[in-house]
């Protein structure tokens, strides 16, 4: 039985590279490619796919994590293996909570990628070592780890939004936003919005600006 793959990435060169590597495996079959997250959701929903290799960043439109959630929400959905360049807490948690069964970095060697695809296809979790380490660190020190909601708030702070704008964006009261910020400051050991963003970026909690 071959593992049927859908390659979802907005860069043609990346998709071509993945196709070249994965097509060399006798038990893999590349059945489709998707240049957008929306196209990935549509093709995955059409059936005939066992594993989706999903990028996180697609430019305008759906984010990879949103596409992952849309795909995995359907009955009998294929497994989604995230393949990205980002290993921040914010990206990892978004993907895992969206239903991804694996998270791999694009610099992974071909044999690691192939093994992760087989692991995902068999119904098990496939995590890059650095990603597994980050998740373990969060489990060891849960009191110091930012929650998913705190990460969302801090991402918007990084984007320059005010408390009022954040409250509208996340459908929270301004008091709740302030409460999240207080917790964020305490966990990061800072006392300002700027310092919080800087500290979180330095620790790999937030993605560095490209």
Protein backbone atom coordinates (compact mmCIF):
# COMPACT_ATOMS: atom_id res chain seq x y z
CA UNK A 1 0.00 0.00 0.00
CA UNK A 2 1.43 3.36 -1.02
CA UNK A 3 1.08 6.55 1.04
CA UNK A 4 -0.74 9.17 -1.03
CA UNK A 5 0.66 12.66 -0.49
CA UNK A 6 -0.58 16.21 -1.04
CA UNK A 7 2.15 18.88 -1.08
CA UNK A 8 0.88 22.26 0.13
CA UNK A 9 3.39 25.09 -0.25
CA UNK A 10 3.26 28.41 -2.08
CA UNK A 11 6.81 28.11 -3.44
CA UNK A 12 7.07 26.03 -6.67
CA UNK A 13 10.77 25.35 -6.03
CA UNK A 14 9.98 23.90 -2.58
CA UNK A 15 7.22 21.70 -4.00
CA UNK A 16 9.55 20.51 -6.76
CA UNK A 17 12.22 19.65 -4.20
CA UNK A 18 9.76 17.75 -2.04
CA UNK A 19 8.42 15.89 -5.05
CA UNK A 20 11.94 14.88 -6.08
CA UNK A 21 12.82 13.61 -2.60
CA UNK A 22 9.56 11.85 -1.81
CA UNK A 23 8.97 10.34 -5.26
CA UNK A 24 12.21 8.43 -4.81
CA UNK A 25 10.54 6.40 -2.05
CA UNK A 26 8.81 3.29 -3.46
CA UNK A 27 5.89 3.48 -1.00
CA UNK A 28 5.05 7.16 -1.63
CA UNK A 29 2.76 8.56 -4.31
CA UNK A 30 2.44 12.33 -4.89
CA UNK A 31 -1.21 12.69 -5.89
CA UNK A 32 -1.50 16.50 -5.86
CA UNK A 33 0.10 19.84 -5.13
CA UNK A 34 -1.52 22.98 -3.70
CA UNK A 35 -0.02 26.48 -4.02
CA UNK A 36 -2.45 27.98 -1.51
CA UNK A 37 -3.94 26.93 1.81
CA UNK A 38 -7.41 27.20 0.33
CA UNK A 39 -6.47 24.84 -2.50
CA UNK A 40 -5.03 22.40 0.04
CA UNK A 41 -8.31 22.33 1.99
CA UNK A 42 -10.33 21.78 -1.19
CA UNK A 43 -8.08 19.01 -2.53
CA UNK A 44 -7.81 17.23 0.83
CA UNK A 45 -11.59 17.27 1.08
CA UNK A 46 -11.91 15.58 -2.31
CA UNK A 47 -10.40 12.39 -0.91
CA UNK A 48 -7.64 10.07 -2.07
CA UNK A 49 -5.02 11.64 0.23
CA UNK A 50 -3.37 9.99 3.24
CA UNK A 51 -0.94 12.69 4.37
CA UNK A 52 -0.83 16.43 3.69
CA UNK A 53 2.55 18.15 3.95
CA UNK A 54 1.49 21.63 5.03
CA UNK A 55 3.51 24.84 5.05
CA UNK A 56 2.46 27.48 7.59
CA UNK A 57 2.98 30.73 5.68
CA UNK A 58 1.08 31.24 2.43
CA UNK A 59 0.90 35.00 2.11
CA UNK A 60 -2.61 36.49 1.74
CA UNK A 61 -5.48 34.21 2.67
CA UNK A 62 -5.61 31.26 5.03
CA UNK A 63 -2.70 30.48 7.33
CA UNK A 64 -1.38 26.93 7.32
CA UNK A 65 -2.72 26.30 10.81
CA UNK A 66 -6.19 27.46 9.74
CA UNK A 67 -6.06 25.15 6.74
CA UNK A 68 -4.94 22.30 9.00
CA UNK A 69 -7.94 22.87 11.27
CA UNK A 70 -10.31 22.91 8.29
CA UNK A 71 -8.84 19.68 6.91
CA UNK A 72 -8.72 17.70 10.16
CA UNK A 73 -12.24 18.74 11.18
CA UNK A 74 -13.76 16.50 8.49
CA UNK A 75 -14.58 12.82 9.07
CA UNK A 76 -11.96 10.48 7.65
CA UNK A 77 -9.55 13.36 7.10
CA UNK A 78 -5.97 12.77 5.99
CA UNK A 79 -3.17 13.29 8.49
CA UNK A 80 -1.49 16.70 8.36
CA UNK A 81 2.28 16.97 8.75
CA UNK A 82 3.44 20.58 9.08
CA UNK A 83 6.66 21.30 7.19
CA UNK A 84 7.93 24.81 7.87
CA UNK A 85 10.94 26.98 8.63
CA UNK A 86 9.47 28.23 11.93
CA UNK A 87 9.86 26.57 15.33
CA UNK A 88 8.46 29.20 17.71
CA UNK A 89 6.03 28.36 20.51
CA UNK A 90 3.34 30.39 18.76
CA UNK A 91 3.64 28.45 15.49
CA UNK A 92 4.00 25.03 17.12
CA UNK A 93 1.00 25.46 19.42
CA UNK A 94 -1.18 26.83 16.62
CA UNK A 95 -0.39 23.82 14.43
CA UNK A 96 -0.80 21.21 17.16
CA UNK A 97 -4.07 22.69 18.39
CA UNK A 98 -5.31 22.80 14.79
CA UNK A 99 -4.91 19.04 14.61
CA UNK A 100 -1.50 18.52 12.99
CA UNK A 101 -0.08 15.10 13.82
CA UNK A 102 3.48 16.16 13.12
CA UNK A 103 5.75 19.16 12.89
CA UNK A 104 8.97 19.09 10.90
CA UNK A 105 11.43 21.78 9.81
CA UNK A 106 12.36 22.27 6.16
CA UNK A 107 16.04 21.72 6.85
CA UNK A 108 15.34 18.12 7.92
CA UNK A 109 17.39 15.53 6.01
CA UNK A 110 15.49 13.44 3.42
CA UNK A 111 15.54 10.30 5.55
CA UNK A 112 13.99 12.17 8.50
CA UNK A 113 11.29 13.60 6.25
CA UNK A 114 10.45 10.18 4.80
CA UNK A 115 10.34 8.62 8.26
CA UNK A 116 8.04 11.41 9.51
CA UNK A 117 5.65 10.85 6.60
CA UNK A 118 5.45 7.13 7.36
CA UNK A 119 4.95 7.85 11.06
CA UNK A 120 2.16 10.31 10.30
CA UNK A 121 0.52 7.88 7.88
CA UNK A 122 0.51 5.19 10.56
CA UNK A 123 -1.42 7.48 12.90
CA UNK A 124 1.40 8.47 15.23
CA UNK A 125 2.96 11.83 16.09
CA UNK A 126 6.06 12.94 14.20
CA UNK A 127 7.99 15.83 15.73
CA UNK A 128 11.33 17.38 14.84
CA UNK A 129 13.77 17.01 17.78
CA UNK A 130 13.89 20.78 18.39
CA UNK A 131 10.08 20.96 18.36
CA UNK A 132 9.81 18.05 20.79
CA UNK A 133 12.32 19.79 23.06
CA UNK A 134 10.27 23.00 23.05
CA UNK A 135 7.08 21.13 23.93
CA UNK A 136 8.88 19.24 26.71
CA UNK A 137 10.20 22.51 28.12
CA UNK A 138 6.65 23.87 28.22
CA UNK A 139 5.50 20.75 30.07
CA UNK A 140 8.35 20.95 32.58
CA UNK A 141 7.70 24.62 33.40
CA UNK A 142 3.98 25.17 32.72
CA UNK A 143 3.74 28.12 35.10
CA UNK A 144 6.31 30.05 33.06
CA UNK A 145 4.96 29.10 29.62
CA UNK A 146 2.67 31.51 27.82
CA UNK A 147 -0.79 30.12 27.08
CA UNK A 148 -2.19 30.02 23.55
CA UNK A 149 -4.33 33.09 24.28
CA UNK A 150 -1.40 34.97 25.80
CA UNK A 151 0.62 34.20 22.68
CA UNK A 152 -2.21 35.57 20.52
CA UNK A 153 -2.30 38.77 22.56
CA UNK A 154 1.47 39.17 22.40
CA UNK A 155 1.50 38.56 18.63
CA UNK A 156 -0.94 41.44 18.22
CA UNK A 157 1.12 43.63 20.55
CA UNK A 158 4.10 42.89 18.30
CA UNK A 159 2.00 44.01 15.33
CA UNK A 160 1.45 47.38 17.06
CA UNK A 161 -2.19 47.00 18.07
CA UNK A 162 -3.54 48.86 21.10
CA UNK A 163 -5.44 47.14 23.91
CA UNK A 164 -8.69 48.37 22.41
CA UNK A 165 -7.80 46.99 18.98
CA UNK A 166 -6.72 43.67 20.50
CA UNK A 167 -9.98 43.38 22.42
CA UNK A 168 -11.98 43.83 19.18
CA UNK A 169 -9.76 41.45 17.22
CA UNK A 170 -9.99 38.64 19.80
CA UNK A 171 -13.52 39.43 21.03
CA UNK A 172 -12.29 40.07 24.57
CA UNK A 173 -12.98 42.88 27.01
CA UNK A 174 -10.19 45.42 27.48
CA UNK A 175 -9.96 44.33 31.10
CA UNK A 176 -9.26 40.77 29.97
CA UNK A 177 -6.58 41.99 27.57
CA UNK A 178 -4.93 43.94 30.39
CA UNK A 179 -5.09 40.85 32.59
CA UNK A 180 -3.37 38.77 29.91
CA UNK A 181 -0.65 41.41 29.58
CA UNK A 182 -0.06 41.38 33.34
CA UNK A 183 0.42 37.60 33.23
CA UNK A 184 2.68 37.89 30.18
CA UNK A 185 4.88 40.49 31.88
CA UNK A 186 5.16 38.33 35.00
CA UNK A 187 6.08 35.19 33.06
CA UNK A 188 8.67 36.98 30.95
CA UNK A 189 10.04 39.09 33.81
CA UNK A 190 9.43 42.40 32.02
CA UNK A 191 7.40 45.54 32.67
CA UNK A 192 6.48 46.92 29.25
CA UNK A 193 4.98 45.92 25.91
CA UNK A 194 8.24 46.54 24.05
CA UNK A 195 10.27 44.50 26.53
CA UNK A 196 7.73 41.67 26.39
CA UNK A 197 7.96 41.42 22.60
CA UNK A 198 11.76 41.61 22.70
CA UNK A 199 12.05 38.94 25.42
CA UNK A 200 9.59 36.59 23.70
CA UNK A 201 11.35 36.95 20.36
CA UNK A 202 14.76 36.33 21.92
CA UNK A 203 13.50 33.14 23.59
CA UNK A 204 11.95 31.81 20.39
CA UNK A 205 8.41 32.22 21.69
CA UNK A 206 7.52 34.66 18.91
CA UNK A 207 8.74 34.64 15.32
CA UNK A 208 11.41 37.19 14.38
CA UNK A 209 10.36 39.72 11.78
CA UNK A 210 11.49 38.71 8.31
